[in-house]
Amino acid sequence: MVSKLVSLRISEELLTRLEADMIDGESVGTTIQRILNHHYGVVLDSSQREPLQELIANEVEKRLANLTAGYYELTGKCEDLQAQITKLQTVKTTRKKSV
C-alpha cells in the first residue's frame, strides 16, 4: 500500500484534501487515513502509517520553505517599490517647488 502511495508522490490533491478535510481535534494521521480510505480505497495498517506521515511531513516542510522564501522575496520587492515611490514623490515635490 505504501508503494502505491509513494507512486502518488503525495499528490497535490491529497494535500489539498488534507487541508480541506481536517476536522477540529482530529490528528493529521487520522485525517490522512480517512481521506485515503474514502477517496482512494486505501486502508493503512499501523506499520504503514509512520512512513506515510513522514513523507507528508517532508512534503509539507518543503512547501513551507518555498512559501517562506516566496514571502521574503515579495517583501523585498515591496520594499524596493516603496523606495521607488518615495524617490518619485521626492522628485515630484522638488519639481513643484522649482516651478
N, C-alpha and C. Protein backbone atom coordinates (compact mmCIF):
# COMPACT_ATOMS: atom_id res chain seq x y z
N MET A 1 0.81 -1.20 0.00
CA MET A 1 0.00 0.00 0.00
C MET A 1 0.86 1.26 0.00
N VAL A 2 1.92 1.26 0.81
CA VAL A 2 2.76 2.46 0.88
C VAL A 2 3.39 2.73 -0.49
N SER A 3 3.78 1.65 -1.22
CA SER A 3 4.37 1.88 -2.54
C SER A 3 3.36 2.54 -3.47
N LYS A 4 2.09 2.17 -3.34
CA LYS A 4 1.05 2.82 -4.13
C LYS A 4 0.97 4.29 -3.75
N LEU A 5 1.10 4.58 -2.47
CA LEU A 5 1.04 5.97 -2.01
C LEU A 5 2.27 6.74 -2.45
N VAL A 6 3.42 6.07 -2.43
CA VAL A 6 4.64 6.73 -2.89
C VAL A 6 4.51 7.05 -4.37
N SER A 7 3.88 6.15 -5.13
CA SER A 7 3.71 6.42 -6.55
C SER A 7 2.79 7.62 -6.78
N LEU A 8 1.91 7.87 -5.85
CA LEU A 8 1.09 9.08 -5.93
C LEU A 8 1.94 10.32 -5.68
N ARG A 9 3.09 10.09 -5.04
CA ARG A 9 4.06 11.14 -4.71
C ARG A 9 3.41 12.27 -3.93
N ILE A 10 2.58 11.88 -2.97
CA ILE A 10 1.91 12.85 -2.12
C ILE A 10 1.34 13.96 -3.02
N SER A 11 0.39 13.55 -3.81
CA SER A 11 -0.15 14.44 -4.83
C SER A 11 -0.73 15.72 -4.25
N GLU A 12 -0.81 16.71 -5.11
CA GLU A 12 -1.41 18.00 -4.75
C GLU A 12 -2.81 17.78 -4.23
N GLU A 13 -3.52 16.86 -4.86
CA GLU A 13 -4.89 16.59 -4.45
C GLU A 13 -4.95 16.09 -3.01
N LEU A 14 -4.05 15.21 -2.64
CA LEU A 14 -4.06 14.67 -1.28
C LEU A 14 -3.79 15.77 -0.26
N LEU A 15 -2.81 16.61 -0.53
CA LEU A 15 -2.51 17.70 0.41
C LEU A 15 -3.65 18.70 0.48
N THR A 16 -4.28 18.97 -0.66
CA THR A 16 -5.43 19.88 -0.67
C THR A 16 -6.57 19.28 0.14
N ARG A 17 -6.80 17.99 -0.06
CA ARG A 17 -7.86 17.33 0.72
C ARG A 17 -7.53 17.33 2.21
N LEU A 18 -6.26 17.14 2.53
CA LEU A 18 -5.85 17.14 3.93
C LEU A 18 -6.21 18.46 4.59
N GLU A 19 -5.90 19.55 3.91
CA GLU A 19 -6.21 20.88 4.45
C GLU A 19 -7.72 21.09 4.53
N ALA A 20 -8.43 20.71 3.48
CA ALA A 20 -9.87 20.96 3.43
C ALA A 20 -10.67 20.04 4.34
N ASP A 21 -10.21 18.81 4.53
CA ASP A 21 -10.98 17.81 5.27
C ASP A 21 -10.63 17.71 6.74
N MET A 22 -9.68 18.51 7.20
CA MET A 22 -9.25 18.44 8.60
C MET A 22 -10.43 18.79 9.51
N ILE A 23 -10.66 17.95 10.49
CA ILE A 23 -11.72 18.17 11.47
C ILE A 23 -11.07 18.62 12.76
N ASP A 24 -11.64 19.64 13.40
CA ASP A 24 -11.08 20.13 14.66
C ASP A 24 -10.87 18.98 15.64
N GLY A 25 -9.68 18.91 16.19
CA GLY A 25 -9.37 17.90 17.19
C GLY A 25 -8.92 16.57 16.60
N GLU A 26 -9.03 16.40 15.29
CA GLU A 26 -8.62 15.15 14.66
C GLU A 26 -7.14 15.22 14.32
N SER A 27 -6.42 14.13 14.57
CA SER A 27 -4.99 14.13 14.25
C SER A 27 -4.79 14.10 12.74
N VAL A 28 -3.62 14.55 12.32
CA VAL A 28 -3.29 14.53 10.89
C VAL A 28 -3.33 13.10 10.38
N GLY A 29 -2.79 12.17 11.16
CA GLY A 29 -2.78 10.77 10.76
C GLY A 29 -4.17 10.22 10.53
N THR A 30 -5.09 10.54 11.43
CA THR A 30 -6.48 10.07 11.29
C THR A 30 -7.12 10.69 10.07
N THR A 31 -6.86 11.97 9.84
CA THR A 31 -7.42 12.64 8.66
C THR A 31 -6.89 12.00 7.39
N ILE A 32 -5.59 11.71 7.36
CA ILE A 32 -4.98 11.07 6.19
C ILE A 32 -5.63 9.72 5.94
N GLN A 33 -5.79 8.93 7.00
CA GLN A 33 -6.40 7.61 6.85
C GLN A 33 -7.82 7.73 6.29
N ARG A 34 -8.57 8.67 6.81
CA ARG A 34 -9.95 8.85 6.36
C ARG A 34 -9.99 9.25 4.88
N ILE A 35 -9.13 10.18 4.49
CA ILE A 35 -9.08 10.64 3.09
C ILE A 35 -8.67 9.50 2.17
N LEU A 36 -7.61 8.79 2.53
CA LEU A 36 -7.13 7.70 1.69
C LEU A 36 -8.18 6.60 1.54
N ASN A 37 -8.85 6.29 2.62
CA ASN A 37 -9.88 5.26 2.58
C ASN A 37 -11.06 5.72 1.73
N HIS A 38 -11.53 6.93 1.98
CA HIS A 38 -12.73 7.42 1.29
C HIS A 38 -12.48 7.71 -0.19
N HIS A 39 -11.40 8.40 -0.51
CA HIS A 39 -11.17 8.85 -1.88
C HIS A 39 -10.37 7.87 -2.74
N TYR A 40 -9.52 7.06 -2.11
CA TYR A 40 -8.65 6.17 -2.88
C TYR A 40 -8.88 4.69 -2.59
N GLY A 41 -9.71 4.38 -1.61
CA GLY A 41 -9.96 2.99 -1.25
C GLY A 41 -8.76 2.32 -0.61
N VAL A 42 -7.87 3.10 -0.01
CA VAL A 42 -6.65 2.58 0.61
C VAL A 42 -6.84 2.54 2.11
N VAL A 43 -6.55 1.38 2.71
CA VAL A 43 -6.60 1.24 4.16
C VAL A 43 -5.19 0.93 4.64
N LEU A 44 -4.69 1.74 5.55
CA LEU A 44 -3.33 1.55 6.06
C LEU A 44 -3.34 0.75 7.35
N ASP A 45 -2.37 -0.16 7.49
CA ASP A 45 -2.19 -0.78 8.79
C ASP A 45 -1.18 0.05 9.57
N SER A 46 -0.98 -0.28 10.81
CA SER A 46 -0.14 0.55 11.68
C SER A 46 1.30 0.67 11.17
N SER A 47 1.83 -0.36 10.51
CA SER A 47 3.21 -0.30 10.02
C SER A 47 3.37 0.65 8.84
N GLN A 48 2.28 0.99 8.18
CA GLN A 48 2.34 1.86 7.01
C GLN A 48 2.09 3.33 7.35
N ARG A 49 1.53 3.59 8.50
CA ARG A 49 1.17 4.97 8.85
C ARG A 49 2.38 5.87 9.04
N GLU A 50 3.37 5.38 9.79
CA GLU A 50 4.53 6.22 10.09
C GLU A 50 5.30 6.64 8.83
N PRO A 51 5.62 5.71 7.92
CA PRO A 51 6.32 6.14 6.69
C PRO A 51 5.51 7.17 5.89
N LEU A 52 4.21 6.97 5.83
CA LEU A 52 3.36 7.90 5.09
C LEU A 52 3.36 9.27 5.76
N GLN A 53 3.22 9.28 7.07
CA GLN A 53 3.22 10.55 7.79
C GLN A 53 4.56 11.27 7.61
N GLU A 54 5.65 10.50 7.58
CA GLU A 54 6.97 11.10 7.36
C GLU A 54 7.07 11.71 5.97
N LEU A 55 6.57 11.00 4.96
CA LEU A 55 6.57 11.53 3.60
C LEU A 55 5.78 12.83 3.51
N ILE A 56 4.62 12.83 4.12
CA ILE A 56 3.77 14.02 4.09
C ILE A 56 4.43 15.16 4.86
N ALA A 57 5.00 14.85 6.01
CA ALA A 57 5.67 15.89 6.79
C ALA A 57 6.82 16.51 5.99
N ASN A 58 7.58 15.68 5.28
CA ASN A 58 8.67 16.20 4.45
C ASN A 58 8.15 17.09 3.34
N GLU A 59 7.06 16.68 2.70
CA GLU A 59 6.48 17.48 1.63
C GLU A 59 5.95 18.81 2.17
N VAL A 60 5.32 18.76 3.32
CA VAL A 60 4.80 19.98 3.94
C VAL A 60 5.96 20.92 4.30
N GLU A 61 7.05 20.36 4.82
CA GLU A 61 8.23 21.19 5.14
C GLU A 61 8.78 21.87 3.89
N LYS A 62 8.85 21.13 2.77
CA LYS A 62 9.34 21.72 1.52
C LYS A 62 8.44 22.86 1.09
N ARG A 63 7.13 22.63 1.14
CA ARG A 63 6.19 23.67 0.72
C ARG A 63 6.28 24.88 1.63
N LEU A 64 6.42 24.65 2.92
CA LEU A 64 6.55 25.76 3.86
C LEU A 64 7.82 26.56 3.57
N ALA A 65 8.91 25.86 3.28
CA ALA A 65 10.16 26.55 2.94
C ALA A 65 9.99 27.38 1.67
N ASN A 66 9.30 26.82 0.67
CA ASN A 66 9.06 27.57 -0.56
C ASN A 66 8.18 28.78 -0.31
N LEU A 67 7.15 28.61 0.49
CA LEU A 67 6.27 29.74 0.82
C LEU A 67 7.03 30.82 1.58
N THR A 68 7.87 30.39 2.51
CA THR A 68 8.65 31.35 3.29
C THR A 68 9.61 32.12 2.38
N ALA A 69 10.28 31.41 1.49
CA ALA A 69 11.20 32.06 0.55
C ALA A 69 10.43 33.03 -0.34
N GLY A 70 9.27 32.61 -0.81
CA GLY A 70 8.43 33.49 -1.63
C GLY A 70 7.98 34.72 -0.88
N TYR A 71 7.65 34.54 0.38
CA TYR A 71 7.23 35.67 1.22
C TYR A 71 8.36 36.69 1.32
N TYR A 72 9.57 36.21 1.62
CA TYR A 72 10.70 37.13 1.76
C TYR A 72 11.05 37.80 0.43
N GLU A 73 10.90 37.06 -0.66
CA GLU A 73 11.14 37.65 -1.98
C GLU A 73 10.14 38.77 -2.25
N LEU A 74 8.86 38.50 -1.97
CA LEU A 74 7.83 39.53 -2.17
C LEU A 74 8.04 40.71 -1.24
N THR A 75 8.42 40.43 0.00
CA THR A 75 8.68 41.51 0.95
C THR A 75 9.80 42.41 0.43
N GLY A 76 10.85 41.81 -0.09
CA GLY A 76 11.95 42.58 -0.66
C GLY A 76 11.50 43.42 -1.84
N LYS A 77 10.67 42.84 -2.71
CA LYS A 77 10.16 43.59 -3.85
C LYS A 77 9.28 44.74 -3.40
N CYS A 78 8.47 44.50 -2.37
CA CYS A 78 7.61 45.57 -1.84
C CYS A 78 8.47 46.71 -1.26
N GLU A 79 9.52 46.35 -0.57
CA GLU A 79 10.42 47.38 -0.02
C GLU A 79 11.08 48.17 -1.14
N ASP A 80 11.48 47.48 -2.21
CA ASP A 80 12.07 48.17 -3.36
C ASP A 80 11.06 49.12 -4.00
N LEU A 81 9.83 48.65 -4.17
CA LEU A 81 8.79 49.50 -4.74
C LEU A 81 8.51 50.70 -3.85
N GLN A 82 8.48 50.48 -2.55
CA GLN A 82 8.25 51.59 -1.62
C GLN A 82 9.36 52.62 -1.73
N ALA A 83 10.59 52.16 -1.87
CA ALA A 83 11.72 53.08 -2.03
C ALA A 83 11.59 53.87 -3.33
N GLN A 84 11.16 53.20 -4.40
CA GLN A 84 10.97 53.89 -5.68
C GLN A 84 9.85 54.92 -5.58
N ILE A 85 8.76 54.57 -4.91
CA ILE A 85 7.64 55.51 -4.73
C ILE A 85 8.11 56.73 -3.95
N THR A 86 8.84 56.49 -2.89
CA THR A 86 9.35 57.60 -2.08
C THR A 86 10.25 58.50 -2.92
N LYS A 87 11.11 57.89 -3.72
CA LYS A 87 12.01 58.66 -4.59
C LYS A 87 11.21 59.50 -5.59
N LEU A 88 10.19 58.89 -6.21
CA LEU A 88 9.35 59.61 -7.18
C LEU A 88 8.58 60.75 -6.51
N GLN A 89 8.10 60.50 -5.30
CA GLN A 89 7.39 61.56 -4.58
C GLN A 89 8.33 62.72 -4.27
N THR A 90 9.56 62.40 -3.94
CA THR A 90 10.56 63.44 -3.66
C THR A 90 10.84 64.25 -4.92
N VAL A 91 10.99 63.57 -6.05
CA VAL A 91 11.23 64.25 -7.33
C VAL A 91 10.04 65.14 -7.67
N LYS A 92 8.83 64.62 -7.49
CA LYS A 92 7.61 65.38 -7.78
C LYS A 92 7.54 66.63 -6.91
N THR A 93 7.82 66.48 -5.63
CA THR A 93 7.80 67.62 -4.69
C THR A 93 8.86 68.65 -5.08
N THR A 94 10.04 68.18 -5.46
CA THR A 94 11.13 69.07 -5.86
C THR A 94 10.75 69.85 -7.12
N ARG A 95 10.13 69.19 -8.07
CA ARG A 95 9.71 69.85 -9.31
C ARG A 95 8.64 70.90 -9.04
N LYS A 96 7.69 70.60 -8.16
CA LYS A 96 6.63 71.56 -7.83
C LYS A 96 7.23 72.82 -7.22
N LYS A 97 8.21 72.62 -6.36
CA LYS A 97 8.84 73.77 -5.68
C LYS A 97 9.62 74.62 -6.67
N SER A 98 10.21 73.99 -7.69
CA SER A 98 11.02 74.74 -8.65
C SER A 98 10.17 75.46 -9.69
N VAL A 99 8.92 75.08 -9.81
CA VAL A 99 8.03 75.72 -10.81
C VAL A 99 7.41 76.94 -10.27
